[in-house]
Amino acid sequence: MKRRALWLTVIAVFVAFASAGCGSATGIEAQKGPAADRAKAAGKRAAQEAGGRTKVPGANVMLLLMNGSEESSVRLKTEITELSKTKLGWTPSPCDGKGDAKALEMCAIGVIDQGPLDFIISNG
């Protein structure tokens, strides 16, 4: 009976992913065309309605990466580091566990011991 319930759950999850179109994804790309133009205009209107530009306060950010050589981790680290330095005024502290949970834990403890953190971003 438990086995049947497990298989029904697996099939339901598979059908949900298949119907969501997960198989047709081609990667992360910037949207183009009329949909992108409408989204950009809506974002600008929302920003103006919210009071226009504001200064983001500086922050100490820890980025936890289970395996920093993985493609998604490399992209995340590159983007967070670049945005932190150029746009947001944050101080990023990446921790790469290199696939080892204990190494990631030790790195995180080391960063936390260095001083206050405002937030932690985790990938993996």
N, C-alpha and C. Protein backbone atom coordinates (compact mmCIF):
# COMPACT_ATOMS: atom_id res chain seq x y z
N MET A 1 0.81 -1.19 0.00
CA MET A 1 0.00 0.00 0.00
C MET A 1 0.87 1.27 0.00
N LYS A 2 1.92 1.28 0.84
CA LYS A 2 2.82 2.43 0.89
C LYS A 2 3.54 2.60 -0.44
N ARG A 3 3.89 1.49 -1.05
CA ARG A 3 4.60 1.55 -2.32
C ARG A 3 3.71 2.18 -3.41
N ARG A 4 2.43 1.81 -3.40
CA ARG A 4 1.51 2.37 -4.38
C ARG A 4 1.37 3.89 -4.17
N ALA A 5 1.26 4.31 -2.92
CA ALA A 5 1.14 5.74 -2.63
C ALA A 5 2.39 6.48 -3.10
N LEU A 6 3.55 5.86 -2.89
CA LEU A 6 4.80 6.48 -3.34
C LEU A 6 4.81 6.64 -4.85
N TRP A 7 4.42 5.60 -5.58
CA TRP A 7 4.41 5.68 -7.04
C TRP A 7 3.40 6.70 -7.54
N LEU A 8 2.26 6.79 -6.91
CA LEU A 8 1.26 7.78 -7.30
C LEU A 8 1.81 9.20 -7.09
N THR A 9 2.55 9.39 -5.99
CA THR A 9 3.16 10.69 -5.73
C THR A 9 4.21 11.01 -6.78
N VAL A 10 5.05 10.04 -7.11
CA VAL A 10 6.09 10.24 -8.14
C VAL A 10 5.45 10.60 -9.47
N ILE A 11 4.41 9.89 -9.84
CA ILE A 11 3.73 10.16 -11.11
C ILE A 11 3.10 11.55 -11.10
N ALA A 12 2.48 11.93 -9.99
CA ALA A 12 1.87 13.25 -9.89
C ALA A 12 2.90 14.36 -10.04
N VAL A 13 4.05 14.20 -9.40
CA VAL A 13 5.12 15.20 -9.51
C VAL A 13 5.63 15.27 -10.94
N PHE A 14 5.81 14.12 -11.57
CA PHE A 14 6.29 14.09 -12.95
C PHE A 14 5.31 14.81 -13.88
N VAL A 15 4.02 14.51 -13.71
CA VAL A 15 3.00 15.16 -14.55
C VAL A 15 2.98 16.66 -14.31
N ALA A 16 3.14 17.09 -13.06
CA ALA A 16 3.15 18.51 -12.76
C ALA A 16 4.31 19.21 -13.45
N PHE A 17 5.49 18.61 -13.39
CA PHE A 17 6.65 19.22 -14.05
C PHE A 17 6.49 19.21 -15.57
N ALA A 18 5.99 18.12 -16.11
CA ALA A 18 5.82 18.03 -17.56
C ALA A 18 4.81 19.04 -18.06
N SER A 19 3.72 19.21 -17.32
CA SER A 19 2.71 20.16 -17.76
C SER A 19 3.16 21.61 -17.57
N ALA A 20 4.12 21.84 -16.68
CA ALA A 20 4.64 23.18 -16.47
C ALA A 20 5.60 23.60 -17.57
N GLY A 21 5.99 22.67 -18.41
CA GLY A 21 6.87 23.01 -19.52
C GLY A 21 8.33 23.03 -19.15
N CYS A 22 8.72 22.32 -18.11
CA CYS A 22 10.11 22.32 -17.68
C CYS A 22 11.03 21.78 -18.77
N GLY A 23 10.55 20.89 -19.60
CA GLY A 23 11.39 20.31 -20.64
C GLY A 23 11.71 21.27 -21.76
N SER A 24 10.98 22.39 -21.85
CA SER A 24 11.21 23.32 -22.95
C SER A 24 12.13 24.47 -22.58
N ALA A 25 12.65 24.50 -21.37
CA ALA A 25 13.52 25.58 -20.94
C ALA A 25 14.83 25.54 -21.70
N THR A 26 15.30 26.72 -22.11
CA THR A 26 16.55 26.79 -22.87
C THR A 26 17.64 27.51 -22.11
N GLY A 27 17.43 27.82 -20.88
CA GLY A 27 18.44 28.52 -20.10
C GLY A 27 17.93 29.86 -19.64
N ILE A 28 18.79 30.59 -18.98
CA ILE A 28 18.41 31.91 -18.47
C ILE A 28 18.79 32.94 -19.51
N GLU A 29 17.79 33.62 -20.02
CA GLU A 29 18.02 34.63 -21.05
C GLU A 29 17.21 35.87 -20.70
N ALA A 30 17.67 37.01 -21.17
CA ALA A 30 16.91 38.23 -21.00
C ALA A 30 15.70 38.19 -21.93
N GLN A 31 14.54 38.63 -21.43
CA GLN A 31 13.37 38.69 -22.30
C GLN A 31 13.55 39.79 -23.31
N LYS A 32 12.95 39.60 -24.47
CA LYS A 32 13.05 40.59 -25.54
C LYS A 32 11.67 40.82 -26.12
N GLY A 33 11.52 41.92 -26.83
CA GLY A 33 10.28 42.19 -27.53
C GLY A 33 9.25 42.92 -26.69
N PRO A 34 7.99 42.86 -27.14
CA PRO A 34 6.91 43.62 -26.49
C PRO A 34 6.70 43.23 -25.02
N ALA A 35 6.83 41.95 -24.69
CA ALA A 35 6.63 41.54 -23.29
C ALA A 35 7.68 42.18 -22.40
N ALA A 36 8.92 42.21 -22.85
CA ALA A 36 9.99 42.83 -22.06
C ALA A 36 9.76 44.34 -21.93
N ASP A 37 9.31 44.98 -23.01
CA ASP A 37 9.04 46.42 -22.98
C ASP A 37 7.94 46.76 -21.99
N ARG A 38 6.87 45.95 -21.99
CA ARG A 38 5.76 46.18 -21.05
C ARG A 38 6.23 45.97 -19.61
N ALA A 39 7.03 44.94 -19.38
CA ALA A 39 7.52 44.67 -18.02
C ALA A 39 8.42 45.80 -17.54
N LYS A 40 9.27 46.30 -18.41
CA LYS A 40 10.17 47.40 -18.04
C LYS A 40 9.38 48.67 -17.72
N ALA A 41 8.39 48.98 -18.55
CA ALA A 41 7.57 50.17 -18.31
C ALA A 41 6.79 50.04 -17.01
N ALA A 42 6.23 48.85 -16.75
CA ALA A 42 5.49 48.63 -15.51
C ALA A 42 6.40 48.78 -14.30
N GLY A 43 7.62 48.29 -14.40
CA GLY A 43 8.58 48.43 -13.30
C GLY A 43 8.92 49.88 -13.02
N LYS A 44 9.10 50.66 -14.08
CA LYS A 44 9.41 52.09 -13.90
C LYS A 44 8.23 52.83 -13.29
N ARG A 45 7.00 52.50 -13.73
CA ARG A 45 5.82 53.14 -13.14
C ARG A 45 5.70 52.79 -11.66
N ALA A 46 5.92 51.52 -11.32
CA ALA A 46 5.82 51.09 -9.92
C ALA A 46 6.87 51.79 -9.06
N ALA A 47 8.06 51.98 -9.61
CA ALA A 47 9.12 52.66 -8.86
C ALA A 47 8.75 54.11 -8.60
N GLN A 48 8.20 54.77 -9.59
CA GLN A 48 7.81 56.16 -9.41
C GLN A 48 6.67 56.28 -8.39
N GLU A 49 5.71 55.36 -8.46
CA GLU A 49 4.59 55.37 -7.52
C GLU A 49 5.07 55.09 -6.09
N ALA A 50 6.15 54.34 -5.96
CA ALA A 50 6.68 54.02 -4.63
C ALA A 50 7.57 55.12 -4.07
N GLY A 51 7.83 56.15 -4.86
CA GLY A 51 8.61 57.27 -4.35
C GLY A 51 9.92 57.50 -5.09
N GLY A 52 10.12 56.87 -6.21
CA GLY A 52 11.33 57.10 -7.00
C GLY A 52 12.54 56.39 -6.45
N ARG A 53 13.70 56.92 -6.77
CA ARG A 53 14.96 56.28 -6.38
C ARG A 53 15.24 56.45 -4.89
N THR A 54 15.85 55.42 -4.34
CA THR A 54 16.31 55.49 -2.96
C THR A 54 17.71 54.88 -2.89
N LYS A 55 18.42 55.20 -1.86
CA LYS A 55 19.75 54.64 -1.66
C LYS A 55 19.63 53.37 -0.84
N VAL A 56 20.19 52.30 -1.37
CA VAL A 56 20.19 51.03 -0.64
C VAL A 56 21.29 51.09 0.42
N PRO A 57 20.96 50.78 1.67
CA PRO A 57 22.00 50.84 2.70
C PRO A 57 23.04 49.74 2.50
N GLY A 58 24.26 50.03 2.90
CA GLY A 58 25.33 49.04 2.82
C GLY A 58 25.01 47.82 3.68
N ALA A 59 25.57 46.69 3.30
CA ALA A 59 25.29 45.47 4.05
C ALA A 59 26.46 44.51 3.92
N ASN A 60 26.64 43.70 4.94
CA ASN A 60 27.60 42.59 4.90
C ASN A 60 26.82 41.34 4.53
N VAL A 61 27.23 40.71 3.44
CA VAL A 61 26.48 39.58 2.87
C VAL A 61 27.37 38.35 2.80
N MET A 62 26.87 37.22 3.31
CA MET A 62 27.59 35.96 3.15
C MET A 62 26.89 35.16 2.05
N LEU A 63 27.66 34.64 1.12
CA LEU A 63 27.15 33.81 0.04
C LEU A 63 27.65 32.39 0.26
N LEU A 64 26.74 31.48 0.62
CA LEU A 64 27.10 30.08 0.87
C LEU A 64 26.95 29.27 -0.41
N LEU A 65 28.04 28.66 -0.86
CA LEU A 65 28.04 27.83 -2.06
C LEU A 65 28.51 26.44 -1.69
N MET A 66 27.67 25.45 -1.88
CA MET A 66 28.08 24.08 -1.57
C MET A 66 29.20 23.64 -2.49
N ASN A 67 29.10 23.98 -3.77
CA ASN A 67 30.14 23.63 -4.74
C ASN A 67 30.32 24.82 -5.67
N GLY A 68 31.31 25.64 -5.39
CA GLY A 68 31.53 26.88 -6.12
C GLY A 68 31.94 26.72 -7.56
N SER A 69 32.32 25.51 -7.99
CA SER A 69 32.72 25.32 -9.39
C SER A 69 31.53 24.92 -10.27
N GLU A 70 30.39 24.66 -9.66
CA GLU A 70 29.19 24.33 -10.41
C GLU A 70 28.70 25.58 -11.16
N GLU A 71 28.13 25.37 -12.35
CA GLU A 71 27.76 26.49 -13.21
C GLU A 71 26.82 27.48 -12.53
N SER A 72 25.79 26.99 -11.86
CA SER A 72 24.84 27.91 -11.22
C SER A 72 25.51 28.69 -10.09
N SER A 73 26.43 28.06 -9.38
CA SER A 73 27.15 28.74 -8.30
C SER A 73 28.08 29.80 -8.85
N VAL A 74 28.74 29.51 -9.96
CA VAL A 74 29.64 30.48 -10.58
C VAL A 74 28.85 31.71 -11.03
N ARG A 75 27.69 31.47 -11.67
CA ARG A 75 26.85 32.59 -12.13
C ARG A 75 26.37 33.42 -10.95
N LEU A 76 25.88 32.74 -9.91
CA LEU A 76 25.37 33.45 -8.74
C LEU A 76 26.48 34.27 -8.08
N LYS A 77 27.63 33.66 -7.87
CA LYS A 77 28.74 34.38 -7.22
C LYS A 77 29.17 35.59 -8.05
N THR A 78 29.27 35.41 -9.37
CA THR A 78 29.69 36.51 -10.24
C THR A 78 28.68 37.66 -10.17
N GLU A 79 27.40 37.34 -10.30
CA GLU A 79 26.37 38.38 -10.29
C GLU A 79 26.27 39.08 -8.94
N ILE A 80 26.24 38.30 -7.87
CA ILE A 80 26.12 38.92 -6.54
C ILE A 80 27.34 39.79 -6.24
N THR A 81 28.52 39.29 -6.56
CA THR A 81 29.74 40.06 -6.30
C THR A 81 29.76 41.35 -7.11
N GLU A 82 29.43 41.27 -8.39
CA GLU A 82 29.44 42.45 -9.25
C GLU A 82 28.39 43.47 -8.80
N LEU A 83 27.17 43.01 -8.57
CA LEU A 83 26.12 43.93 -8.12
C LEU A 83 26.42 44.51 -6.76
N SER A 84 26.98 43.69 -5.89
CA SER A 84 27.31 44.17 -4.54
C SER A 84 28.28 45.33 -4.59
N LYS A 85 29.29 45.21 -5.42
CA LYS A 85 30.34 46.22 -5.46
C LYS A 85 29.93 47.46 -6.27
N THR A 86 29.24 47.25 -7.39
CA THR A 86 28.98 48.38 -8.29
C THR A 86 27.66 49.09 -8.04
N LYS A 87 26.63 48.37 -7.66
CA LYS A 87 25.29 48.96 -7.56
C LYS A 87 24.76 49.10 -6.14
N LEU A 88 25.07 48.15 -5.28
CA LEU A 88 24.41 48.10 -3.98
C LEU A 88 25.26 48.58 -2.82
N GLY A 89 26.56 48.59 -2.96
CA GLY A 89 27.42 49.00 -1.86
C GLY A 89 27.54 47.95 -0.77
N TRP A 90 27.29 46.71 -1.12
CA TRP A 90 27.40 45.61 -0.16
C TRP A 90 28.81 45.08 -0.11
N THR A 91 29.14 44.38 0.97
CA THR A 91 30.42 43.71 1.10
C THR A 91 30.16 42.21 1.08
N PRO A 92 30.41 41.55 -0.07
CA PRO A 92 30.14 40.11 -0.15
C PRO A 92 31.27 39.28 0.44
N SER A 93 30.91 38.18 1.09
CA SER A 93 31.88 37.22 1.63
C SER A 93 31.46 35.83 1.16
N PRO A 94 32.00 35.38 0.01
CA PRO A 94 31.61 34.05 -0.48
C PRO A 94 32.30 32.93 0.32
N CYS A 95 31.54 31.86 0.57
CA CYS A 95 32.07 30.66 1.20
C CYS A 95 31.82 29.49 0.27
N ASP A 96 32.89 28.85 -0.18
CA ASP A 96 32.78 27.70 -1.08
C ASP A 96 33.12 26.44 -0.32
N GLY A 97 32.14 25.54 -0.19
CA GLY A 97 32.35 24.29 0.51
C GLY A 97 33.06 23.24 -0.33
N LYS A 98 33.21 23.51 -1.64
CA LYS A 98 33.87 22.59 -2.57
C LYS A 98 33.28 21.18 -2.48
N GLY A 99 31.95 21.12 -2.28
CA GLY A 99 31.26 19.85 -2.23
C GLY A 99 31.28 19.17 -0.88
N ASP A 100 31.89 19.78 0.12
CA ASP A 100 32.00 19.19 1.45
C ASP A 100 31.21 20.03 2.45
N ALA A 101 30.17 19.43 3.02
CA ALA A 101 29.30 20.16 3.96
C ALA A 101 30.08 20.67 5.17
N LYS A 102 31.02 19.89 5.66
CA LYS A 102 31.81 20.30 6.83
C LYS A 102 32.69 21.52 6.49
N ALA A 103 33.28 21.52 5.29
CA ALA A 103 34.11 22.66 4.87
C ALA A 103 33.25 23.92 4.74
N LEU A 104 32.03 23.76 4.21
CA LEU A 104 31.12 24.90 4.09
C LEU A 104 30.75 25.44 5.47
N GLU A 105 30.48 24.54 6.40
CA GLU A 105 30.15 24.94 7.76
C GLU A 105 31.31 25.71 8.40
N MET A 106 32.52 25.22 8.24
CA MET A 106 33.69 25.88 8.84
C MET A 106 33.91 27.26 8.22
N CYS A 107 33.73 27.37 6.91
CA CYS A 107 33.88 28.66 6.24
C CYS A 107 32.83 29.64 6.77
N ALA A 108 31.58 29.19 6.88
CA ALA A 108 30.51 30.05 7.36
C ALA A 108 30.77 30.51 8.78
N ILE A 109 31.23 29.61 9.62
CA ILE A 109 31.54 29.98 11.00
C ILE A 109 32.65 31.04 11.03
N GLY A 110 33.65 30.87 10.17
CA GLY A 110 34.73 31.84 10.10
C GLY A 110 34.25 33.23 9.70
N VAL A 111 33.36 33.29 8.71
CA VAL A 111 32.83 34.58 8.27
C VAL A 111 31.98 35.21 9.37
N ILE A 112 31.15 34.40 10.01
CA ILE A 112 30.31 34.92 11.10
C ILE A 112 31.16 35.45 12.24
N ASP A 113 32.26 34.76 12.56
CA ASP A 113 33.14 35.19 13.64
C ASP A 113 33.87 36.50 13.33
N GLN A 114 33.99 36.85 12.05
CA GLN A 114 34.70 38.07 11.67
C GLN A 114 33.92 39.33 12.00
N GLY A 115 32.63 39.22 12.13
CA GLY A 115 31.83 40.41 12.44
C GLY A 115 30.39 40.22 12.05
N PRO A 116 29.59 41.26 12.20
CA PRO A 116 28.16 41.13 11.96
C PRO A 116 27.84 40.91 10.48
N LEU A 117 26.81 40.11 10.25
CA LEU A 117 26.28 39.88 8.91
C LEU A 117 24.88 40.44 8.85
N ASP A 118 24.54 41.04 7.72
CA ASP A 118 23.18 41.55 7.56
C ASP A 118 22.26 40.47 6.98
N PHE A 119 22.79 39.68 6.05
CA PHE A 119 22.02 38.56 5.55
C PHE A 119 22.90 37.53 4.87
N ILE A 120 22.31 36.34 4.67
CA ILE A 120 23.02 35.19 4.08
C ILE A 120 22.25 34.75 2.85
N ILE A 121 22.96 34.54 1.75
CA ILE A 121 22.38 33.99 0.53
C ILE A 121 22.98 32.59 0.36
N SER A 122 22.12 31.60 0.17
CA SER A 122 22.60 30.21 0.07
C SER A 122 22.25 29.62 -1.28
N ASN A 123 23.18 28.90 -1.85
CA ASN A 123 22.97 28.17 -3.10
C ASN A 123 23.48 26.75 -2.88
N GLY A 124 22.60 25.88 -2.49
CA GLY A 124 22.99 24.48 -2.35
C GLY A 124 23.14 24.01 -0.97
